[in-house]
Amino acid sequence: MQQVKSGDTVKVHYHGKLTDGTTFDSSEGREPLEFEVGSGSVIAGFDSGVTGMTVGEKKTINIPVDEAYGQKQEDLFMEFPRDRFPEDVTPEVGMQLNMSNGSGQNFPVIIREVKEDAVILDANHPLAGEDLTFDLELVEIIGGKSPLIIMP
């Protein structure tokens, strides 16, 4: 039976949970996730979790924070003046917003605290600082890159 190895493109159904059991994402009702193992397109712990699986196999993997989205970085918290919010927006803790940097790149932030004259924004990934658990089912191994053949 073929086992998943680095370079293979695979399709996986998944159910992602936090350590308290809260679901944060799932492929249920959608197409399975397709990605190339080892390409860096998914978090490291997910990549290593599917490696060695066979088609039809199901398993649960636990991914520590450092193989997931990393620790929360304090330098990604910022204080933003309340008077710079649009008049029709009332900032509330937990509200998600998109900000733009000076180069025109957009990035998501979450309001973590609302003060009288400022709002504390968090630009960390929403799952930063979390250990994750995934229930996986390998649906298909599509194949990998063909080996390089050198002809004389």
Protein backbone atom coordinates (compact mmCIF):
# COMPACT_ATOMS: atom_id res chain seq x y z
CA MET A 1 0.00 0.00 0.00
CA GLN A 2 1.40 3.40 -0.99
CA GLN A 3 2.32 5.70 1.90
CA VAL A 4 2.41 9.50 1.76
CA LYS A 5 5.88 10.97 1.37
CA SER A 6 7.29 14.44 0.87
CA GLY A 7 6.54 15.73 -2.63
CA ASP A 8 3.22 13.83 -2.93
CA THR A 9 0.06 15.78 -3.62
CA VAL A 10 -2.69 14.50 -1.34
CA LYS A 11 -6.36 15.05 -0.54
CA VAL A 12 -7.30 15.01 3.13
CA HIS A 13 -10.52 15.48 5.07
CA TYR A 14 -9.86 17.12 8.43
CA HIS A 15 -11.51 18.39 11.59
CA GLY A 16 -9.41 20.91 13.51
CA LYS A 17 -10.00 21.48 17.23
CA LEU A 18 -8.44 23.46 20.05
CA THR A 19 -7.34 21.60 23.18
CA ASP A 20 -10.69 22.45 24.84
CA GLY A 21 -12.50 20.63 22.01
CA THR A 22 -13.74 23.78 20.22
CA THR A 23 -13.82 23.27 16.43
CA PHE A 24 -11.96 26.00 14.51
CA ASP A 25 -12.13 24.49 11.00
CA SER A 26 -13.37 21.41 9.18
CA SER A 27 -13.63 20.14 5.62
CA GLU A 28 -17.02 18.56 6.41
CA GLY A 29 -19.46 19.34 3.61
CA ARG A 30 -16.63 20.61 1.38
CA GLU A 31 -14.06 19.13 -0.93
CA PRO A 32 -11.07 17.62 0.88
CA LEU A 33 -7.99 19.79 1.33
CA GLU A 34 -5.49 19.24 -1.49
CA PHE A 35 -1.83 20.14 -0.98
CA GLU A 36 1.72 19.06 -1.73
CA VAL A 37 3.40 17.48 1.29
CA GLY A 38 6.60 19.28 2.26
CA SER A 39 5.89 22.37 0.13
CA GLY A 40 5.22 24.64 3.11
CA SER A 41 1.60 25.27 2.06
CA VAL A 42 0.27 23.90 5.39
CA ILE A 43 1.63 24.15 8.93
CA ALA A 44 4.60 21.89 9.69
CA GLY A 45 2.72 19.64 12.11
CA PHE A 46 -0.01 18.95 9.54
CA ASP A 47 2.62 18.04 6.92
CA SER A 48 4.38 15.62 9.23
CA GLY A 49 1.04 14.25 10.45
CA VAL A 50 -0.05 13.01 7.02
CA THR A 51 3.39 11.64 6.12
CA GLY A 52 3.29 7.84 6.16
CA MET A 53 -0.52 7.61 5.96
CA THR A 54 -2.22 5.30 3.44
CA VAL A 55 -5.44 5.96 1.48
CA GLY A 56 -8.49 5.42 3.68
CA GLU A 57 -6.49 5.68 6.91
CA LYS A 58 -7.91 7.84 9.71
CA LYS A 59 -5.96 9.20 12.65
CA THR A 60 -5.82 12.00 15.18
CA ILE A 61 -2.73 14.18 15.46
CA ASN A 62 -1.78 16.69 18.14
CA ILE A 63 0.25 19.64 16.91
CA PRO A 64 2.17 21.68 19.49
CA VAL A 65 2.09 25.47 19.12
CA ASP A 66 5.62 25.61 17.66
CA GLU A 67 4.62 23.28 14.78
CA ALA A 68 1.35 25.16 14.26
CA TYR A 69 1.14 28.98 14.12
CA GLY A 70 3.80 29.71 16.75
CA GLN A 71 3.62 31.71 19.95
CA LYS A 72 1.82 35.05 20.10
CA GLN A 73 4.29 37.83 19.34
CA GLU A 74 4.00 40.89 21.56
CA ASP A 75 5.34 43.15 18.79
CA LEU A 76 2.20 42.36 16.76
CA PHE A 77 -0.02 44.10 19.34
CA MET A 78 -0.51 47.79 18.58
CA GLU A 79 -2.34 50.72 20.05
CA PHE A 80 -4.54 52.55 17.56
CA PRO A 81 -6.22 55.91 18.32
CA ARG A 82 -10.04 55.63 18.61
CA ASP A 83 -10.51 58.91 16.79
CA ARG A 84 -9.01 57.33 13.65
CA PHE A 85 -11.88 54.83 13.41
CA PRO A 86 -14.65 55.68 10.94
CA GLU A 87 -17.62 57.34 12.70
CA ASP A 88 -19.95 54.45 11.77
CA VAL A 89 -17.71 51.81 13.42
CA THR A 90 -18.00 51.18 17.16
CA PRO A 91 -14.94 49.15 18.22
CA GLU A 92 -15.73 46.06 20.32
CA VAL A 93 -13.45 43.37 21.80
CA GLY A 94 -13.23 40.40 19.41
CA MET A 95 -14.14 42.44 16.33
CA GLN A 96 -12.07 41.53 13.27
CA LEU A 97 -10.84 44.29 10.98
CA ASN A 98 -8.57 44.60 7.98
CA MET A 99 -5.79 47.16 8.14
CA SER A 100 -3.45 48.42 5.46
CA ASN A 101 0.25 49.13 5.91
CA GLY A 102 2.17 51.88 4.17
CA SER A 103 2.94 49.55 1.24
CA GLY A 104 -0.73 48.92 0.50
CA GLN A 105 -0.73 45.37 1.91
CA ASN A 106 -3.84 44.39 3.85
CA PHE A 107 -3.68 42.25 6.98
CA PRO A 108 -6.31 41.11 9.48
CA VAL A 109 -6.35 42.30 13.09
CA ILE A 110 -8.56 41.53 16.09
CA ILE A 111 -9.55 44.09 18.72
CA ARG A 112 -8.26 42.79 22.06
CA GLU A 113 -9.01 45.81 24.28
CA VAL A 114 -11.01 49.03 23.99
CA LYS A 115 -9.73 51.98 26.02
CA GLU A 116 -11.17 55.46 26.31
CA ASP A 117 -8.89 56.99 23.68
CA ALA A 118 -7.31 53.95 21.98
CA VAL A 119 -7.93 50.39 20.87
CA ILE A 120 -5.43 47.52 21.27
CA LEU A 121 -5.17 45.56 18.01
CA ASP A 122 -3.65 42.09 17.61
CA ALA A 123 -2.13 41.19 14.23
CA ASN A 124 -1.09 37.66 15.28
CA HIS A 125 -2.66 34.73 13.45
CA PRO A 126 -5.93 33.91 15.27
CA LEU A 127 -4.54 30.45 16.18
CA ALA A 128 -1.14 31.71 17.37
CA GLY A 129 -0.34 30.45 20.86
CA GLU A 130 -2.62 27.41 20.50
CA ASP A 131 -1.88 23.68 20.48
CA LEU A 132 -4.08 22.07 17.80
CA THR A 133 -5.69 18.67 17.30
CA PHE A 134 -6.73 17.34 13.89
CA ASP A 135 -8.80 14.29 13.02
CA LEU A 136 -7.52 13.29 9.57
CA GLU A 137 -8.69 10.97 6.81
CA LEU A 138 -6.43 10.45 3.80
CA VAL A 139 -8.74 10.42 0.77
CA GLU A 140 -6.26 10.21 -2.10
CA ILE A 141 -2.60 10.30 -3.04
CA ILE A 142 -2.51 12.03 -6.41
CA GLY A 143 1.21 11.52 -6.84
CA GLY A 144 4.36 13.46 -6.56
CA LYS A 145 6.92 15.10 -8.72
CA SER A 146 8.51 12.79 -11.22
CA PRO A 147 12.12 11.99 -10.45
CA LEU A 148 14.70 13.68 -12.65
CA ILE A 149 16.05 11.26 -15.24
CA ILE A 150 19.38 12.16 -16.82
CA MET A 151 19.98 10.64 -20.24
CA PRO A 152 23.53 10.19 -21.50
